[in-house]
Amino acid sequence: MINYLISPMVSAGRLLMVALVATVLSSCASVQPDNGAKVVAREPIIARPDGSVRGDTGDQSVARLWASAERARENGKDAIALELLYEALELSPQSALLWSRAAEIQLDNLEASLAESYATKSNAFALDNQPLLYRNWLIIEHARDMRGDLLGVRSAHKKVQQYQYQ
């Protein structure tokens, strides 16, 4: 199992991670239900006390791409970070954590529509992962605020509150 990490964030968009402190996110494994249909596995995602989020993957290529994207992001090379995340998403298209990180970078780059789209996509794969859903709804709320969508902000804020205390 290989770890990839979202470190604590500094900018306003990145302050979203503070809410994840000391929360353990749910995980599930791939299983075969009685009816024979395969349930899609998702990566275990764990919030850590320092405000970072760790996701585990068995795919070394995804882990390498994640690490490279993080280094690029830390060096202010968001375009390169996004390209690396997109490449990782080609290998793991249902990774809620990869979609969420891409949403966060888009939000930091003032690309509100893309940020909202990616956070929504992350929500689709997050299933019952309450802290990740909370993080994504915060991204959506900020993106809608950037676009001046006051009704959208209000509805997103209700979702933020719904997940904040669960």
N, C-alpha and C. Protein backbone atom coordinates (compact mmCIF):
# COMPACT_ATOMS: atom_id res chain seq x y z
N MET A 1 0.85 -1.17 0.00
CA MET A 1 0.00 0.00 0.00
C MET A 1 0.90 1.23 0.00
N ILE A 2 0.61 2.16 -0.88
CA ILE A 2 1.41 3.36 -1.03
C ILE A 2 0.59 4.55 -0.57
N ASN A 3 1.22 5.45 0.18
CA ASN A 3 0.52 6.63 0.68
C ASN A 3 0.74 7.81 -0.23
N TYR A 4 -0.27 8.63 -0.37
CA TYR A 4 -0.08 9.95 -0.94
C TYR A 4 -0.77 10.91 0.00
N LEU A 5 -0.28 12.13 0.07
CA LEU A 5 -0.63 13.03 1.15
C LEU A 5 -1.05 14.39 0.64
N ILE A 6 -2.11 14.93 1.24
CA ILE A 6 -2.46 16.33 1.04
C ILE A 6 -1.97 17.03 2.30
N SER A 7 -1.00 17.90 2.14
CA SER A 7 -0.45 18.60 3.29
C SER A 7 -1.32 19.78 3.69
N PRO A 8 -1.11 20.32 4.90
CA PRO A 8 -1.89 21.48 5.33
C PRO A 8 -1.74 22.61 4.32
N MET A 9 -2.76 23.43 4.21
CA MET A 9 -2.77 24.46 3.20
C MET A 9 -2.67 25.84 3.82
N VAL A 10 -2.22 26.80 3.03
CA VAL A 10 -1.99 28.15 3.52
C VAL A 10 -3.01 29.14 2.98
N SER A 11 -3.32 29.12 1.69
CA SER A 11 -4.20 30.12 1.10
C SER A 11 -5.63 29.94 1.57
N ALA A 12 -6.47 30.91 1.25
CA ALA A 12 -7.87 30.87 1.68
C ALA A 12 -8.55 29.60 1.19
N GLY A 13 -8.34 29.25 -0.07
CA GLY A 13 -8.93 28.02 -0.60
C GLY A 13 -8.39 26.80 0.10
N ARG A 14 -7.16 26.89 0.52
CA ARG A 14 -6.52 25.75 1.16
C ARG A 14 -6.86 25.62 2.64
N LEU A 15 -7.47 26.62 3.22
CA LEU A 15 -7.87 26.53 4.62
C LEU A 15 -8.97 25.50 4.84
N LEU A 16 -9.51 25.00 3.76
CA LEU A 16 -10.56 24.00 3.85
C LEU A 16 -10.10 22.76 4.62
N MET A 17 -8.83 22.47 4.54
CA MET A 17 -8.31 21.25 5.16
C MET A 17 -8.34 21.31 6.68
N VAL A 18 -8.34 22.49 7.25
CA VAL A 18 -8.33 22.62 8.70
C VAL A 18 -9.51 21.88 9.31
N ALA A 19 -10.63 21.90 8.60
CA ALA A 19 -11.83 21.25 9.10
C ALA A 19 -11.68 19.74 9.20
N LEU A 20 -10.69 19.18 8.54
CA LEU A 20 -10.53 17.73 8.53
C LEU A 20 -9.65 17.21 9.66
N VAL A 21 -9.15 18.10 10.50
CA VAL A 21 -8.22 17.71 11.55
C VAL A 21 -8.83 16.62 12.43
N ALA A 22 -8.05 15.57 12.63
CA ALA A 22 -8.37 14.48 13.55
C ALA A 22 -9.62 13.69 13.20
N THR A 23 -10.10 13.82 11.96
CA THR A 23 -11.26 13.06 11.52
C THR A 23 -10.78 11.87 10.69
N VAL A 24 -11.29 10.73 10.98
CA VAL A 24 -10.92 9.56 10.19
C VAL A 24 -11.98 9.33 9.15
N LEU A 25 -11.53 9.29 7.91
CA LEU A 25 -12.45 9.09 6.80
C LEU A 25 -12.67 7.60 6.59
N SER A 26 -13.83 7.28 6.14
CA SER A 26 -14.17 5.88 5.95
C SER A 26 -13.47 5.32 4.72
N SER A 27 -13.35 4.02 4.70
CA SER A 27 -12.77 3.36 3.55
C SER A 27 -13.49 2.04 3.34
N CYS A 28 -13.38 1.53 2.14
CA CYS A 28 -13.97 0.23 1.87
C CYS A 28 -13.08 -0.50 0.89
N ALA A 29 -13.21 -1.79 0.87
CA ALA A 29 -12.42 -2.62 -0.03
C ALA A 29 -13.32 -3.16 -1.12
N SER A 30 -12.72 -3.64 -2.18
CA SER A 30 -13.49 -4.24 -3.24
C SER A 30 -14.02 -5.59 -2.76
N VAL A 31 -15.31 -5.78 -2.91
CA VAL A 31 -15.92 -7.02 -2.47
C VAL A 31 -16.84 -7.54 -3.56
N GLN A 32 -17.19 -8.80 -3.50
CA GLN A 32 -18.15 -9.39 -4.40
C GLN A 32 -19.43 -9.64 -3.63
N PRO A 33 -20.49 -8.88 -3.88
CA PRO A 33 -21.76 -9.12 -3.23
C PRO A 33 -22.35 -10.46 -3.68
N ASP A 34 -23.35 -10.92 -2.97
CA ASP A 34 -23.97 -12.20 -3.27
C ASP A 34 -24.52 -12.26 -4.69
N ASN A 35 -24.97 -11.14 -5.23
CA ASN A 35 -25.57 -11.16 -6.57
C ASN A 35 -24.52 -11.17 -7.67
N GLY A 36 -23.24 -11.16 -7.31
CA GLY A 36 -22.17 -11.24 -8.29
C GLY A 36 -21.70 -9.92 -8.85
N ALA A 37 -22.43 -8.84 -8.57
CA ALA A 37 -22.01 -7.52 -9.06
C ALA A 37 -20.81 -7.04 -8.25
N LYS A 38 -19.86 -6.47 -8.94
CA LYS A 38 -18.67 -6.00 -8.26
C LYS A 38 -18.87 -4.59 -7.72
N VAL A 39 -18.50 -4.37 -6.47
CA VAL A 39 -18.54 -3.05 -5.87
C VAL A 39 -17.18 -2.41 -6.11
N VAL A 40 -17.18 -1.16 -6.59
CA VAL A 40 -15.94 -0.47 -6.90
C VAL A 40 -15.21 -0.12 -5.62
N ALA A 41 -13.92 -0.42 -5.57
CA ALA A 41 -13.11 -0.08 -4.41
C ALA A 41 -12.76 1.39 -4.46
N ARG A 42 -12.56 1.98 -3.32
CA ARG A 42 -12.04 3.33 -3.27
C ARG A 42 -10.89 3.36 -2.30
N GLU A 43 -10.04 4.34 -2.49
CA GLU A 43 -8.84 4.40 -1.67
C GLU A 43 -9.19 4.80 -0.25
N PRO A 44 -8.53 4.18 0.73
CA PRO A 44 -8.72 4.64 2.10
C PRO A 44 -8.14 6.05 2.23
N ILE A 45 -8.90 6.94 2.82
CA ILE A 45 -8.46 8.31 3.01
C ILE A 45 -8.55 8.62 4.49
N ILE A 46 -7.47 9.12 5.05
CA ILE A 46 -7.42 9.38 6.48
C ILE A 46 -6.99 10.81 6.73
N ALA A 47 -7.77 11.53 7.54
CA ALA A 47 -7.37 12.87 7.96
C ALA A 47 -6.41 12.71 9.13
N ARG A 48 -5.39 13.54 9.13
CA ARG A 48 -4.37 13.44 10.16
C ARG A 48 -4.41 14.66 11.07
N PRO A 49 -3.89 14.51 12.31
CA PRO A 49 -3.95 15.61 13.27
C PRO A 49 -3.28 16.90 12.81
N ASP A 50 -2.30 16.83 11.90
CA ASP A 50 -1.63 18.05 11.44
C ASP A 50 -2.41 18.77 10.36
N GLY A 51 -3.61 18.27 10.01
CA GLY A 51 -4.42 18.93 9.00
C GLY A 51 -4.23 18.35 7.62
N SER A 52 -3.32 17.41 7.47
CA SER A 52 -3.11 16.79 6.17
C SER A 52 -4.07 15.62 6.00
N VAL A 53 -4.20 15.18 4.78
CA VAL A 53 -5.03 14.02 4.47
C VAL A 53 -4.17 13.02 3.75
N ARG A 54 -4.23 11.77 4.18
CA ARG A 54 -3.46 10.72 3.53
C ARG A 54 -4.42 9.79 2.82
N GLY A 55 -4.06 9.45 1.59
CA GLY A 55 -4.83 8.47 0.85
C GLY A 55 -3.92 7.31 0.50
N ASP A 56 -4.41 6.11 0.63
CA ASP A 56 -3.62 4.92 0.31
C ASP A 56 -4.05 4.37 -1.04
N THR A 57 -3.07 3.93 -1.81
CA THR A 57 -3.36 3.30 -3.09
C THR A 57 -2.38 2.16 -3.30
N GLY A 58 -2.82 1.15 -3.98
CA GLY A 58 -1.94 0.05 -4.32
C GLY A 58 -1.25 0.28 -5.67
N ASP A 59 -1.60 1.35 -6.35
CA ASP A 59 -1.05 1.65 -7.66
C ASP A 59 0.15 2.58 -7.53
N GLN A 60 1.33 2.05 -7.76
CA GLN A 60 2.55 2.83 -7.61
C GLN A 60 2.61 4.00 -8.60
N SER A 61 2.06 3.83 -9.77
CA SER A 61 2.05 4.90 -10.76
C SER A 61 1.24 6.09 -10.26
N VAL A 62 0.08 5.82 -9.68
CA VAL A 62 -0.75 6.88 -9.13
C VAL A 62 -0.01 7.57 -7.98
N ALA A 63 0.62 6.79 -7.13
CA ALA A 63 1.36 7.37 -6.00
C ALA A 63 2.51 8.26 -6.49
N ARG A 64 3.23 7.82 -7.51
CA ARG A 64 4.33 8.64 -8.05
C ARG A 64 3.79 9.92 -8.67
N LEU A 65 2.71 9.82 -9.41
CA LEU A 65 2.11 11.01 -10.02
C LEU A 65 1.61 11.97 -8.95
N TRP A 66 1.01 11.42 -7.90
CA TRP A 66 0.54 12.25 -6.78
C TRP A 66 1.72 13.00 -6.14
N ALA A 67 2.80 12.28 -5.86
CA ALA A 67 3.97 12.90 -5.23
C ALA A 67 4.55 13.99 -6.12
N SER A 68 4.63 13.73 -7.40
CA SER A 68 5.15 14.73 -8.34
C SER A 68 4.22 15.94 -8.41
N ALA A 69 2.93 15.70 -8.42
CA ALA A 69 1.97 16.80 -8.44
C ALA A 69 2.09 17.66 -7.19
N GLU A 70 2.27 17.02 -6.05
CA GLU A 70 2.42 17.75 -4.80
C GLU A 70 3.68 18.61 -4.80
N ARG A 71 4.78 18.05 -5.31
CA ARG A 71 6.02 18.83 -5.40
C ARG A 71 5.82 20.04 -6.33
N ALA A 72 5.17 19.82 -7.45
CA ALA A 72 4.92 20.91 -8.39
C ALA A 72 4.03 21.98 -7.74
N ARG A 73 3.00 21.55 -7.04
CA ARG A 73 2.09 22.48 -6.37
C ARG A 73 2.83 23.29 -5.31
N GLU A 74 3.65 22.62 -4.53
CA GLU A 74 4.41 23.31 -3.48
C GLU A 74 5.39 24.32 -4.07
N ASN A 75 5.85 24.09 -5.29
CA ASN A 75 6.77 25.01 -5.96
C ASN A 75 6.04 26.05 -6.81
N GLY A 76 4.71 26.14 -6.64
CA GLY A 76 3.94 27.14 -7.35
C GLY A 76 3.68 26.82 -8.81
N LYS A 77 3.85 25.57 -9.20
CA LYS A 77 3.65 25.17 -10.60
C LYS A 77 2.33 24.40 -10.71
N ASP A 78 1.24 25.16 -10.53
CA ASP A 78 -0.08 24.54 -10.51
C ASP A 78 -0.46 23.88 -11.82
N ALA A 79 -0.05 24.45 -12.95
CA ALA A 79 -0.39 23.86 -14.25
C ALA A 79 0.23 22.48 -14.38
N ILE A 80 1.47 22.34 -13.94
CA ILE A 80 2.14 21.03 -13.99
C ILE A 80 1.47 20.08 -13.01
N ALA A 81 1.14 20.58 -11.81
CA ALA A 81 0.46 19.75 -10.81
C ALA A 81 -0.84 19.21 -11.37
N LEU A 82 -1.61 20.08 -12.04
CA LEU A 82 -2.88 19.63 -12.62
C LEU A 82 -2.67 18.59 -13.70
N GLU A 83 -1.68 18.79 -14.55
CA GLU A 83 -1.42 17.80 -15.60
C GLU A 83 -1.07 16.45 -15.00
N LEU A 84 -0.30 16.44 -13.93
CA LEU A 84 0.06 15.19 -13.27
C LEU A 84 -1.16 14.55 -12.62
N LEU A 85 -2.02 15.38 -12.02
CA LEU A 85 -3.25 14.84 -11.44
C LEU A 85 -4.17 14.27 -12.52
N TYR A 86 -4.24 14.94 -13.66
CA TYR A 86 -5.07 14.42 -14.76
C TYR A 86 -4.53 13.07 -15.24
N GLU A 87 -3.22 12.95 -15.27
CA GLU A 87 -2.61 11.68 -15.67
C GLU A 87 -2.95 10.59 -14.65
N ALA A 88 -2.88 10.94 -13.36
CA ALA A 88 -3.26 9.98 -12.31
C ALA A 88 -4.73 9.62 -12.41
N LEU A 89 -5.56 10.58 -12.77
CA LEU A 89 -6.99 10.31 -12.92
C LEU A 89 -7.29 9.40 -14.10
N GLU A 90 -6.43 9.40 -15.11
CA GLU A 90 -6.59 8.44 -16.20
C GLU A 90 -6.39 7.02 -15.70
N LEU A 91 -5.51 6.85 -14.72
CA LEU A 91 -5.25 5.53 -14.14
C LEU A 91 -6.27 5.18 -13.06
N SER A 92 -6.77 6.19 -12.36
CA SER A 92 -7.70 5.98 -11.25
C SER A 92 -8.83 7.01 -11.34
N PRO A 93 -9.72 6.85 -12.34
CA PRO A 93 -10.73 7.87 -12.60
C PRO A 93 -11.79 8.02 -11.51
N GLN A 94 -11.88 7.07 -10.60
CA GLN A 94 -12.88 7.17 -9.55
C GLN A 94 -12.27 7.55 -8.20
N SER A 95 -11.11 8.15 -8.24
CA SER A 95 -10.45 8.57 -7.01
C SER A 95 -11.03 9.90 -6.53
N ALA A 96 -11.81 9.85 -5.49
CA ALA A 96 -12.42 11.05 -4.93
C ALA A 96 -11.35 12.04 -4.45
N LEU A 97 -10.25 11.53 -3.92
CA LEU A 97 -9.20 12.40 -3.40
C LEU A 97 -8.48 13.14 -4.54
N LEU A 98 -8.21 12.46 -5.65
CA LEU A 98 -7.57 13.13 -6.79
C LEU A 98 -8.47 14.22 -7.36
N TRP A 99 -9.75 13.94 -7.50
CA TRP A 99 -10.69 14.95 -8.01
C TRP A 99 -10.76 16.14 -7.06
N SER A 100 -10.77 15.86 -5.76
CA SER A 100 -10.85 16.93 -4.77
C SER A 100 -9.61 17.83 -4.81
N ARG A 101 -8.43 17.22 -4.95
CA ARG A 101 -7.20 18.02 -5.03
C ARG A 101 -7.20 18.87 -6.30
N ALA A 102 -7.66 18.31 -7.40
CA ALA A 102 -7.74 19.08 -8.64
C ALA A 102 -8.72 20.25 -8.46
N ALA A 103 -9.82 20.02 -7.76
CA ALA A 103 -10.79 21.09 -7.49
C ALA A 103 -10.15 22.20 -6.66
N GLU A 104 -9.39 21.80 -5.68
CA GLU A 104 -8.73 22.78 -4.81
C GLU A 104 -7.74 23.65 -5.59
N ILE A 105 -6.97 23.02 -6.45
CA ILE A 105 -5.99 23.78 -7.25
C ILE A 105 -6.72 24.73 -8.20
N GLN A 106 -7.81 24.27 -8.79
CA GLN A 106 -8.58 25.14 -9.68
C GLN A 106 -9.16 26.32 -8.90
N LEU A 107 -9.62 26.08 -7.67
CA LEU A 107 -10.14 27.15 -6.84
C LEU A 107 -9.04 28.18 -6.55
N ASP A 108 -7.86 27.69 -6.21
CA ASP A 108 -6.72 28.58 -5.94
C ASP A 108 -6.35 29.41 -7.16
N ASN A 109 -6.59 28.85 -8.35
CA ASN A 109 -6.28 29.55 -9.60
C ASN A 109 -7.47 30.37 -10.11
N LEU A 110 -8.47 30.54 -9.25
CA LEU A 110 -9.66 31.35 -9.56
C LEU A 110 -10.47 30.79 -10.72
N GLU A 111 -10.40 29.50 -10.93
CA GLU A 111 -11.20 28.81 -11.95
C GLU A 111 -12.41 28.20 -11.25
N ALA A 112 -13.36 29.07 -10.88
CA ALA A 112 -14.48 28.66 -10.05
C ALA A 112 -15.33 27.56 -10.68
N SER A 113 -15.62 27.65 -11.97
CA SER A 113 -16.48 26.66 -12.61
C SER A 113 -15.82 25.28 -12.61
N LEU A 114 -14.52 25.24 -12.94
CA LEU A 114 -13.82 23.95 -12.92
C LEU A 114 -13.71 23.41 -11.50
N ALA A 115 -13.45 24.29 -10.55
CA ALA A 115 -13.35 23.85 -9.15
C ALA A 115 -14.66 23.20 -8.70
N GLU A 116 -15.77 23.85 -9.02
CA GLU A 116 -17.06 23.29 -8.63
C GLU A 116 -17.32 21.96 -9.35
N SER A 117 -16.99 21.91 -10.62
CA SER A 117 -17.20 20.69 -11.39
C SER A 117 -16.40 19.52 -10.82
N TYR A 118 -15.13 19.77 -10.51
CA TYR A 118 -14.28 18.70 -9.98
C TYR A 118 -14.71 18.28 -8.57
N ALA A 119 -15.11 19.25 -7.75
CA ALA A 119 -15.57 18.91 -6.40
C ALA A 119 -16.86 18.08 -6.47
N THR A 120 -17.72 18.42 -7.41
CA THR A 120 -18.95 17.65 -7.61
C THR A 120 -18.61 16.22 -8.06
N LYS A 121 -17.64 16.11 -8.94
CA LYS A 121 -17.20 14.78 -9.39
C LYS A 121 -16.63 13.99 -8.22
N SER A 122 -15.83 14.64 -7.39
CA SER A 122 -15.28 13.99 -6.20
C SER A 122 -16.41 13.50 -5.30
N ASN A 123 -17.44 14.33 -5.12
CA ASN A 123 -18.59 13.92 -4.30
C ASN A 123 -19.25 12.66 -4.83
N ALA A 124 -19.29 12.53 -6.14
CA ALA A 124 -19.91 11.35 -6.75
C ALA A 124 -19.18 10.07 -6.37
N PHE A 125 -17.87 10.17 -6.14
CA PHE A 125 -17.09 8.99 -5.79
C PHE A 125 -16.81 8.88 -4.29
N ALA A 126 -17.14 9.91 -3.53
CA ALA A 126 -16.85 9.93 -2.09
C ALA A 126 -17.79 9.03 -1.30
N LEU A 127 -18.91 8.66 -1.88
CA LEU A 127 -19.92 7.82 -1.23
C LEU A 127 -20.28 8.38 0.13
N ASP A 128 -19.96 7.67 1.22
CA ASP A 128 -20.34 8.12 2.56
C ASP A 128 -19.16 8.74 3.32
N ASN A 129 -18.18 9.19 2.60
CA ASN A 129 -16.97 9.76 3.19
C ASN A 129 -17.28 11.19 3.65
N GLN A 130 -17.85 11.32 4.84
CA GLN A 130 -18.37 12.59 5.33
C GLN A 130 -17.34 13.73 5.33
N PRO A 131 -16.15 13.54 5.85
CA PRO A 131 -15.18 14.65 5.84
C PRO A 131 -14.77 15.09 4.44
N LEU A 132 -14.67 14.16 3.50
CA LEU A 132 -14.33 14.55 2.13
C LEU A 132 -15.50 15.29 1.49
N LEU A 133 -16.71 14.83 1.76
CA LEU A 133 -17.90 15.54 1.27
C LEU A 133 -17.95 16.95 1.85
N TYR A 134 -17.61 17.09 3.11
CA TYR A 134 -17.56 18.42 3.75
C TYR A 134 -16.54 19.31 3.04
N ARG A 135 -15.36 18.78 2.82
CA ARG A 135 -14.29 19.53 2.13
C ARG A 135 -14.76 19.97 0.74
N ASN A 136 -15.37 19.05 0.00
CA ASN A 136 -15.82 19.36 -1.35
C ASN A 136 -16.93 20.40 -1.36
N TRP A 137 -17.84 20.33 -0.40
CA TRP A 137 -18.91 21.33 -0.34
C TRP A 137 -18.35 22.70 0.03
N LEU A 138 -17.29 22.74 0.82
CA LEU A 138 -16.63 24.02 1.08
C LEU A 138 -16.04 24.60 -0.21
N ILE A 139 -15.41 23.74 -1.00
CA ILE A 139 -14.87 24.18 -2.29
C ILE A 139 -15.99 24.71 -3.17
N ILE A 140 -17.10 23.98 -3.23
CA ILE A 140 -18.24 24.39 -4.04
C ILE A 140 -18.79 25.73 -3.55
N GLU A 141 -18.90 25.88 -2.23
CA GLU A 141 -19.39 27.13 -1.66
C GLU A 141 -18.50 28.30 -2.07
N HIS A 142 -17.18 28.13 -1.93
CA HIS A 142 -16.25 29.20 -2.30
C HIS A 142 -16.30 29.49 -3.81
N ALA A 143 -16.41 28.44 -4.61
CA ALA A 143 -16.46 28.63 -6.07
C ALA A 143 -17.71 29.43 -6.46
N ARG A 144 -18.83 29.08 -5.86
CA ARG A 144 -20.06 29.80 -6.16
C ARG A 144 -19.98 31.25 -5.69
N ASP A 145 -19.34 31.47 -4.56
CA ASP A 145 -19.14 32.83 -4.06
C ASP A 145 -18.27 33.63 -5.04
N MET A 146 -17.24 33.01 -5.57
CA MET A 146 -16.36 33.68 -6.54
C MET A 146 -17.14 34.10 -7.78
N ARG A 147 -18.12 33.31 -8.16
CA ARG A 147 -18.92 33.60 -9.35
C ARG A 147 -20.09 34.54 -9.05
N GLY A 148 -20.30 34.86 -7.77
CA GLY A 148 -21.39 35.76 -7.40
C GLY A 148 -22.75 35.08 -7.37
N ASP A 149 -22.76 33.75 -7.26
CA ASP A 149 -24.00 32.97 -7.23
C ASP A 149 -24.49 32.88 -5.78
N LEU A 150 -25.24 33.91 -5.34
CA LEU A 150 -25.65 33.98 -3.95
C LEU A 150 -26.59 32.85 -3.53
N LEU A 151 -27.53 32.48 -4.40
CA LEU A 151 -28.41 31.36 -4.07
C LEU A 151 -27.63 30.05 -4.01
N GLY A 152 -26.67 29.90 -4.94
CA GLY A 152 -25.82 28.72 -4.93
C GLY A 152 -24.96 28.64 -3.67
N VAL A 153 -24.46 29.78 -3.22
CA VAL A 153 -23.67 29.83 -1.99
C VAL A 153 -24.53 29.38 -0.82
N ARG A 154 -25.76 29.88 -0.79
CA ARG A 154 -26.66 29.53 0.32
C ARG A 154 -26.94 28.02 0.36
N SER A 155 -27.22 27.44 -0.80
CA SER A 155 -27.51 25.99 -0.81
C SER A 155 -26.26 25.19 -0.49
N ALA A 156 -25.10 25.62 -0.98
CA ALA A 156 -23.86 24.92 -0.67
C ALA A 156 -23.54 25.04 0.83
N HIS A 157 -23.81 26.20 1.39
CA HIS A 157 -23.53 26.40 2.82
C HIS A 157 -24.38 25.46 3.68
N LYS A 158 -25.61 25.20 3.24
CA LYS A 158 -26.46 24.24 3.97
C LYS A 158 -25.82 22.86 3.95
N LYS A 159 -25.25 22.48 2.80
CA LYS A 159 -24.57 21.18 2.70
C LYS A 159 -23.32 21.16 3.58
N VAL A 160 -22.59 22.26 3.60
CA VAL A 160 -21.40 22.36 4.46
C VAL A 160 -21.81 22.11 5.91
N GLN A 161 -22.87 22.79 6.34
CA GLN A 161 -23.34 22.61 7.71
C GLN A 161 -23.80 21.18 7.97
N GLN A 162 -24.43 20.58 6.98
CA GLN A 162 -24.90 19.20 7.12
C GLN A 162 -23.74 18.25 7.41
N TYR A 163 -22.62 18.42 6.69
CA TYR A 163 -21.48 17.53 6.86
C TYR A 163 -20.52 17.96 7.95
N GLN A 164 -20.59 19.22 8.38
CA GLN A 164 -19.64 19.75 9.34
C GLN A 164 -19.70 19.03 10.68
N TYR A 165 -20.87 18.68 11.13
CA TYR A 165 -21.00 18.12 12.46
C TYR A 165 -21.29 16.63 12.49
N GLN A 166 -21.04 15.97 11.37
CA GLN A 166 -21.28 14.52 11.35
C GLN A 166 -20.04 13.76 11.65
